[in-house]
Amino acid sequence: MTLATPVLYTARLRLRPFTDGDVDSLFALHSSTYVMRYWDSPPWTERARAERFVTMCRTMANDGTGARVAIDRVSDGAFVGWCGLTAWDEDCRSASLGYCLGDAMWGHGFATEAAHAVLRWAFDTLDLNRVQAETDTRNVASARVLEKMGFMREGTLREDCVVNGEVSDSWIFGLLRREWQPSAVQPSRP
């Protein structure tokens, strides 16, 4: 079963399927040591990784296992980052939320706004019962984003990542349909 990648709007953002034109922006995002310092993989060193990411986004949609969207700022079309759902399980009505934004876009509420739009789609359109997310325990800002949307911290995965020899822990967060507060951030179409 395919999973159509949505086009979603919020007051300040447009979330849309990736195109080949996003490769350079995506590579710039994922090659940043600063942006990637809390990820479970090292920064990208080859532009081909960004090309494979775009291809994987299409494959996930075609396979029905997830949907990732590019995030643009409505005011000027600037690439903000991406957000999406992976590990979509139609039978269990669950998926995993992920997002990555450029550091110049941090602190403006864009991650919360984009993730909220994806969650609204997940609960309203896909009829999910549970969405989970993981974040490095050192990434307090990402944990705050999840908590603002109602996610509950459910546990810690001890030493679950080793990147460039550095061992780190991750927090697991979960959000159930019955806990979802769609009015927390009001998305609107420009």
C-alpha atoms as a PDB file:
ATOM      1  CA  MET A   1       0.000   0.000   0.000  1.00  0.00           C
ATOM      2  CA  THR A   2       1.355   3.419  -0.907  1.00  0.00           C
ATOM      3  CA  LEU A   3       1.253   6.324   1.513  1.00  0.00           C
ATOM      4  CA  ALA A   4       0.695   9.611  -0.287  1.00  0.00           C
ATOM      5  CA  THR A   5       3.123  12.220   1.000  1.00  0.00           C
ATOM      6  CA  PRO A   6       0.970  15.154   2.053  1.00  0.00           C
ATOM      7  CA  VAL A   7       1.258  18.862   1.405  1.00  0.00           C
ATOM      8  CA  LEU A   8       0.483  20.586   4.695  1.00  0.00           C
ATOM      9  CA  TYR A   9       0.316  24.258   5.636  1.00  0.00           C
ATOM     10  CA  THR A  10       0.717  26.091   8.905  1.00  0.00           C
ATOM     11  CA  ALA A  11       0.665  29.819   9.581  1.00  0.00           C
ATOM     12  CA  ARG A  12       4.354  30.117   8.626  1.00  0.00           C
ATOM     13  CA  LEU A  13       5.327  26.863   6.924  1.00  0.00           C
ATOM     14  CA  ARG A  14       4.626  24.678   3.921  1.00  0.00           C
ATOM     15  CA  LEU A  15       5.387  20.968   4.276  1.00  0.00           C
ATOM     16  CA  ARG A  16       5.690  19.164   0.955  1.00  0.00           C
ATOM     17  CA  PRO A  17       7.193  16.112  -0.741  1.00  0.00           C
ATOM     18  CA  PHE A  18      10.922  16.275  -1.410  1.00  0.00           C
ATOM     19  CA  THR A  19      12.120  17.028  -4.930  1.00  0.00           C
ATOM     20  CA  ASP A  20      15.509  16.598  -6.565  1.00  0.00           C
ATOM     21  CA  GLY A  21      15.901  20.363  -6.147  1.00  0.00           C
ATOM     22  CA  ASP A  22      16.194  19.865  -2.376  1.00  0.00           C
ATOM     23  CA  VAL A  23      19.402  17.845  -2.535  1.00  0.00           C
ATOM     24  CA  ASP A  24      21.826  20.739  -1.960  1.00  0.00           C
ATOM     25  CA  SER A  25      19.830  22.160   0.966  1.00  0.00           C
ATOM     26  CA  LEU A  26      19.459  18.700   2.457  1.00  0.00           C
ATOM     27  CA  PHE A  27      23.182  18.041   2.123  1.00  0.00           C
ATOM     28  CA  ALA A  28      24.007  21.382   3.770  1.00  0.00           C
ATOM     29  CA  LEU A  29      21.693  20.486   6.657  1.00  0.00           C
ATOM     30  CA  HIS A  30      23.013  16.971   7.263  1.00  0.00           C
ATOM     31  CA  SER A  31      26.682  17.823   6.683  1.00  0.00           C
ATOM     32  CA  SER A  32      26.661  20.316   9.564  1.00  0.00           C
ATOM     33  CA  THR A  33      28.618  18.955  12.522  1.00  0.00           C
ATOM     34  CA  TYR A  34      26.670  21.304  14.806  1.00  0.00           C
ATOM     35  CA  VAL A  35      23.231  20.225  13.588  1.00  0.00           C
ATOM     36  CA  MET A  36      24.149  16.535  13.651  1.00  0.00           C
ATOM     37  CA  ARG A  37      25.899  16.457  17.038  1.00  0.00           C
ATOM     38  CA  TYR A  38      23.022  14.602  18.717  1.00  0.00           C
ATOM     39  CA  TRP A  39      22.149  12.271  15.827  1.00  0.00           C
ATOM     40  CA  ASP A  40      22.665   8.537  15.693  1.00  0.00           C
ATOM     41  CA  SER A  41      24.928   8.909  12.654  1.00  0.00           C
ATOM     42  CA  PRO A  42      27.826  11.206  11.759  1.00  0.00           C
ATOM     43  CA  PRO A  43      27.429  14.236   9.465  1.00  0.00           C
ATOM     44  CA  TRP A  44      27.258  13.474   5.769  1.00  0.00           C
ATOM     45  CA  THR A  45      30.430  13.933   3.769  1.00  0.00           C
ATOM     46  CA  GLU A  46      29.068  13.129   0.305  1.00  0.00           C
ATOM     47  CA  ARG A  47      26.299  14.867  -1.644  1.00  0.00           C
ATOM     48  CA  ALA A  48      25.172  11.418  -2.820  1.00  0.00           C
ATOM     49  CA  ARG A  49      23.811  10.787   0.693  1.00  0.00           C
ATOM     50  CA  ALA A  50      21.283  13.589   0.152  1.00  0.00           C
ATOM     51  CA  GLU A  51      20.313  12.100  -3.211  1.00  0.00           C
ATOM     52  CA  ARG A  52      19.763   8.715  -1.554  1.00  0.00           C
ATOM     53  CA  PHE A  53      17.688  10.368   1.201  1.00  0.00           C
ATOM     54  CA  VAL A  54      15.326  11.899  -1.387  1.00  0.00           C
ATOM     55  CA  THR A  55      15.083   8.528  -3.148  1.00  0.00           C
ATOM     56  CA  MET A  56      14.377   6.813   0.188  1.00  0.00           C
ATOM     57  CA  CYS A  57      11.579   9.292   0.913  1.00  0.00           C
ATOM     58  CA  ARG A  58       9.904   8.264  -2.355  1.00  0.00           C
ATOM     59  CA  THR A  59      10.501   4.577  -1.624  1.00  0.00           C
ATOM     60  CA  MET A  60       8.976   4.871   1.862  1.00  0.00           C
ATOM     61  CA  ALA A  61       5.855   6.483   0.399  1.00  0.00           C
ATOM     62  CA  ASN A  62       5.588   3.849  -2.338  1.00  0.00           C
ATOM     63  CA  ASP A  63       6.122   1.016   0.156  1.00  0.00           C
ATOM     64  CA  GLY A  64       3.666   2.545   2.614  1.00  0.00           C
ATOM     65  CA  THR A  65       6.199   2.617   5.448  1.00  0.00           C
ATOM     66  CA  GLY A  66       6.353   6.364   6.022  1.00  0.00           C
ATOM     67  CA  ALA A  67       6.293   9.887   4.715  1.00  0.00           C
ATOM     68  CA  ARG A  68       8.897  12.614   5.079  1.00  0.00           C
ATOM     69  CA  VAL A  69       8.222  16.193   4.029  1.00  0.00           C
ATOM     70  CA  ALA A  70      10.510  19.110   3.281  1.00  0.00           C
ATOM     71  CA  ILE A  71       9.709  22.224   5.309  1.00  0.00           C
ATOM     72  CA  ASP A  72       9.764  25.653   3.635  1.00  0.00           C
ATOM     73  CA  ARG A  73       9.132  29.025   5.241  1.00  0.00           C
ATOM     74  CA  VAL A  74       6.082  30.552   3.530  1.00  0.00           C
ATOM     75  CA  SER A  75       7.343  34.144   3.750  1.00  0.00           C
ATOM     76  CA  ASP A  76      10.411  33.611   1.555  1.00  0.00           C
ATOM     77  CA  GLY A  77      10.466  29.938   0.493  1.00  0.00           C
ATOM     78  CA  ALA A  78      13.604  29.242   2.552  1.00  0.00           C
ATOM     79  CA  PHE A  79      14.342  25.576   3.258  1.00  0.00           C
ATOM     80  CA  VAL A  80      13.861  25.050   7.003  1.00  0.00           C
ATOM     81  CA  GLY A  81      14.474  21.297   7.256  1.00  0.00           C
ATOM     82  CA  TRP A  82      12.295  18.213   7.249  1.00  0.00           C
ATOM     83  CA  CYS A  83       9.791  16.317   9.350  1.00  0.00           C
ATOM     84  CA  GLY A  84       8.136  12.967   8.909  1.00  0.00           C
ATOM     85  CA  LEU A  85       6.807   9.659  10.016  1.00  0.00           C
ATOM     86  CA  THR A  86       8.666   6.387   9.609  1.00  0.00           C
ATOM     87  CA  ALA A  87       7.954   2.809  10.650  1.00  0.00           C
ATOM     88  CA  TRP A  88       4.265   3.325   9.878  1.00  0.00           C
ATOM     89  CA  ASP A  89       2.380   0.222  10.939  1.00  0.00           C
ATOM     90  CA  GLU A  90      -1.163   0.295   9.603  1.00  0.00           C
ATOM     91  CA  ASP A  91      -2.251  -2.739  11.637  1.00  0.00           C
ATOM     92  CA  CYS A  92      -0.955  -1.406  14.960  1.00  0.00           C
ATOM     93  CA  ARG A  93      -1.839   2.177  13.963  1.00  0.00           C
ATOM     94  CA  SER A  94       1.578   3.484  15.002  1.00  0.00           C
ATOM     95  CA  ALA A  95       4.558   5.354  13.578  1.00  0.00           C
ATOM     96  CA  SER A  96       7.726   7.180  14.630  1.00  0.00           C
ATOM     97  CA  LEU A  97       8.123  10.949  14.337  1.00  0.00           C
ATOM     98  CA  GLY A  98      11.389  12.558  13.303  1.00  0.00           C
ATOM     99  CA  TYR A  99      12.547  16.037  12.319  1.00  0.00           C
ATOM    100  CA  CYS A 100      15.720  17.941  11.517  1.00  0.00           C
ATOM    101  CA  LEU A 101      16.008  21.708  11.099  1.00  0.00           C
ATOM    102  CA  GLY A 102      18.911  23.964  10.222  1.00  0.00           C
ATOM    103  CA  ASP A 103      20.445  25.712  13.211  1.00  0.00           C
ATOM    104  CA  ALA A 104      19.485  29.166  11.855  1.00  0.00           C
ATOM    105  CA  MET A 105      15.860  28.006  12.162  1.00  0.00           C
ATOM    106  CA  TRP A 106      16.126  26.920  15.816  1.00  0.00           C
ATOM    107  CA  GLY A 107      14.387  28.891  18.520  1.00  0.00           C
ATOM    108  CA  HIS A 108      11.551  30.172  16.325  1.00  0.00           C
ATOM    109  CA  GLY A 109       8.995  27.438  17.037  1.00  0.00           C
ATOM    110  CA  PHE A 110       9.317  25.943  13.542  1.00  0.00           C
ATOM    111  CA  ALA A 111      10.003  22.396  14.800  1.00  0.00           C
ATOM    112  CA  THR A 112       6.904  22.460  17.006  1.00  0.00           C
ATOM    113  CA  GLU A 113       4.772  23.968  14.231  1.00  0.00           C
ATOM    114  CA  ALA A 114       5.905  21.457  11.603  1.00  0.00           C
ATOM    115  CA  ALA A 115       5.689  18.435  13.895  1.00  0.00           C
ATOM    116  CA  HIS A 116       2.224  19.516  15.018  1.00  0.00           C
ATOM    117  CA  ALA A 117       1.046  19.612  11.391  1.00  0.00           C
ATOM    118  CA  VAL A 118       2.447  16.123  10.773  1.00  0.00           C
ATOM    119  CA  LEU A 119       0.811  14.832  13.964  1.00  0.00           C
ATOM    120  CA  ARG A 120      -2.547  16.316  12.960  1.00  0.00           C
ATOM    121  CA  TRP A 121      -2.233  14.451   9.639  1.00  0.00           C
ATOM    122  CA  ALA A 122      -1.137  11.281  11.466  1.00  0.00           C
ATOM    123  CA  PHE A 123      -4.056  11.228  13.881  1.00  0.00           C
ATOM    124  CA  ASP A 124      -6.768  12.652  11.609  1.00  0.00           C
ATOM    125  CA  THR A 125      -5.912  11.122   8.215  1.00  0.00           C
ATOM    126  CA  LEU A 126      -3.915   7.994   9.046  1.00  0.00           C
ATOM    127  CA  ASP A 127      -6.004   7.259  12.153  1.00  0.00           C
ATOM    128  CA  LEU A 128      -2.926   6.473  14.230  1.00  0.00           C
ATOM    129  CA  ASN A 129      -3.280   5.485  17.857  1.00  0.00           C
ATOM    130  CA  ARG A 130       0.367   6.015  18.861  1.00  0.00           C
ATOM    131  CA  VAL A 131       3.312   8.076  17.667  1.00  0.00           C
ATOM    132  CA  GLN A 132       6.705   7.722  19.256  1.00  0.00           C
ATOM    133  CA  ALA A 133       9.916   9.703  18.985  1.00  0.00           C
ATOM    134  CA  GLU A 134      13.495   9.383  20.209  1.00  0.00           C
ATOM    135  CA  THR A 135      16.000  12.047  21.129  1.00  0.00           C
ATOM    136  CA  ASP A 136      19.502  12.046  22.512  1.00  0.00           C
ATOM    137  CA  THR A 137      19.327  12.759  26.249  1.00  0.00           C
ATOM    138  CA  ARG A 138      21.644  15.754  25.741  1.00  0.00           C
ATOM    139  CA  ASN A 139      19.229  17.327  23.244  1.00  0.00           C
ATOM    140  CA  VAL A 140      17.071  19.174  25.749  1.00  0.00           C
ATOM    141  CA  ALA A 141      15.598  21.489  23.076  1.00  0.00           C
ATOM    142  CA  SER A 142      14.214  18.541  21.094  1.00  0.00           C
ATOM    143  CA  ALA A 143      12.796  17.007  24.266  1.00  0.00           C
ATOM    144  CA  ARG A 144      11.006  20.321  24.957  1.00  0.00           C
ATOM    145  CA  VAL A 145       9.498  20.292  21.452  1.00  0.00           C
ATOM    146  CA  LEU A 146       8.061  16.837  22.086  1.00  0.00           C
ATOM    147  CA  GLU A 147       6.777  17.710  25.541  1.00  0.00           C
ATOM    148  CA  LYS A 148       5.058  20.868  24.191  1.00  0.00           C
ATOM    149  CA  MET A 149       3.049  18.612  21.890  1.00  0.00           C
ATOM    150  CA  GLY A 150       2.014  16.305  24.708  1.00  0.00           C
ATOM    151  CA  PHE A 151       4.562  13.498  24.329  1.00  0.00           C
ATOM    152  CA  MET A 152       5.377  11.640  27.531  1.00  0.00           C
ATOM    153  CA  ARG A 153       8.909  10.481  28.236  1.00  0.00           C
ATOM    154  CA  GLU A 154       8.546   6.712  28.570  1.00  0.00           C
ATOM    155  CA  GLY A 155      12.078   5.546  29.144  1.00  0.00           C
ATOM    156  CA  THR A 156      15.775   5.682  28.408  1.00  0.00           C
ATOM    157  CA  LEU A 157      17.716   3.534  25.990  1.00  0.00           C
ATOM    158  CA  ARG A 158      21.098   3.295  27.677  1.00  0.00           C
ATOM    159  CA  GLU A 159      24.152   3.564  25.452  1.00  0.00           C
ATOM    160  CA  ASP A 160      22.093   2.847  22.355  1.00  0.00           C
ATOM    161  CA  CYS A 161      24.211   4.975  20.002  1.00  0.00           C
ATOM    162  CA  VAL A 162      27.908   5.030  19.254  1.00  0.00           C
ATOM    163  CA  VAL A 163      28.895   7.736  16.761  1.00  0.00           C
ATOM    164  CA  ASN A 164      32.561   8.358  16.030  1.00  0.00           C
ATOM    165  CA  GLY A 165      33.431   6.490  19.214  1.00  0.00           C
ATOM    166  CA  GLU A 166      31.116   8.610  21.409  1.00  0.00           C
ATOM    167  CA  VAL A 167      28.505   6.636  23.350  1.00  0.00           C
ATOM    168  CA  SER A 168      25.146   8.257  24.133  1.00  0.00           C
ATOM    169  CA  ASP A 169      21.739   7.469  25.591  1.00  0.00           C
ATOM    170  CA  SER A 170      18.332   8.215  24.049  1.00  0.00           C
ATOM    171  CA  TRP A 171      14.980   9.062  25.542  1.00  0.00           C
ATOM    172  CA  ILE A 172      11.853   7.401  24.144  1.00  0.00           C
ATOM    173  CA  PHE A 173       8.730   9.560  23.992  1.00  0.00           C
ATOM    174  CA  GLY A 174       5.193   8.440  23.188  1.00  0.00           C
ATOM    175  CA  LEU A 175       1.972  10.234  22.331  1.00  0.00           C
ATOM    176  CA  LEU A 176      -1.378   8.443  22.277  1.00  0.00           C
ATOM    177  CA  ARG A 177      -4.407   9.576  20.318  1.00  0.00           C
ATOM    178  CA  ARG A 178      -6.392  10.131  23.522  1.00  0.00           C
ATOM    179  CA  GLU A 179      -3.638  12.462  24.818  1.00  0.00           C
ATOM    180  CA  TRP A 180      -3.361  14.459  21.595  1.00  0.00           C
ATOM    181  CA  GLN A 181      -4.323  18.121  21.927  1.00  0.00           C
ATOM    182  CA  PRO A 182      -4.873  19.368  18.379  1.00  0.00           C
ATOM    183  CA  SER A 183      -5.553  22.892  19.584  1.00  0.00           C
ATOM    184  CA  ALA A 184      -2.060  23.275  21.108  1.00  0.00           C
ATOM    185  CA  VAL A 185      -0.791  24.949  17.909  1.00  0.00           C
ATOM    186  CA  GLN A 186      -3.293  26.082  15.332  1.00  0.00           C
ATOM    187  CA  PRO A 187      -2.046  25.407  11.802  1.00  0.00           C
ATOM    188  CA  SER A 188      -3.639  27.494   9.080  1.00  0.00           C
ATOM    189  CA  ARG A 189      -3.329  27.744   5.342  1.00  0.00           C
ATOM    190  CA  PRO A 190      -1.809  30.998   4.005  1.00  0.00           C
END
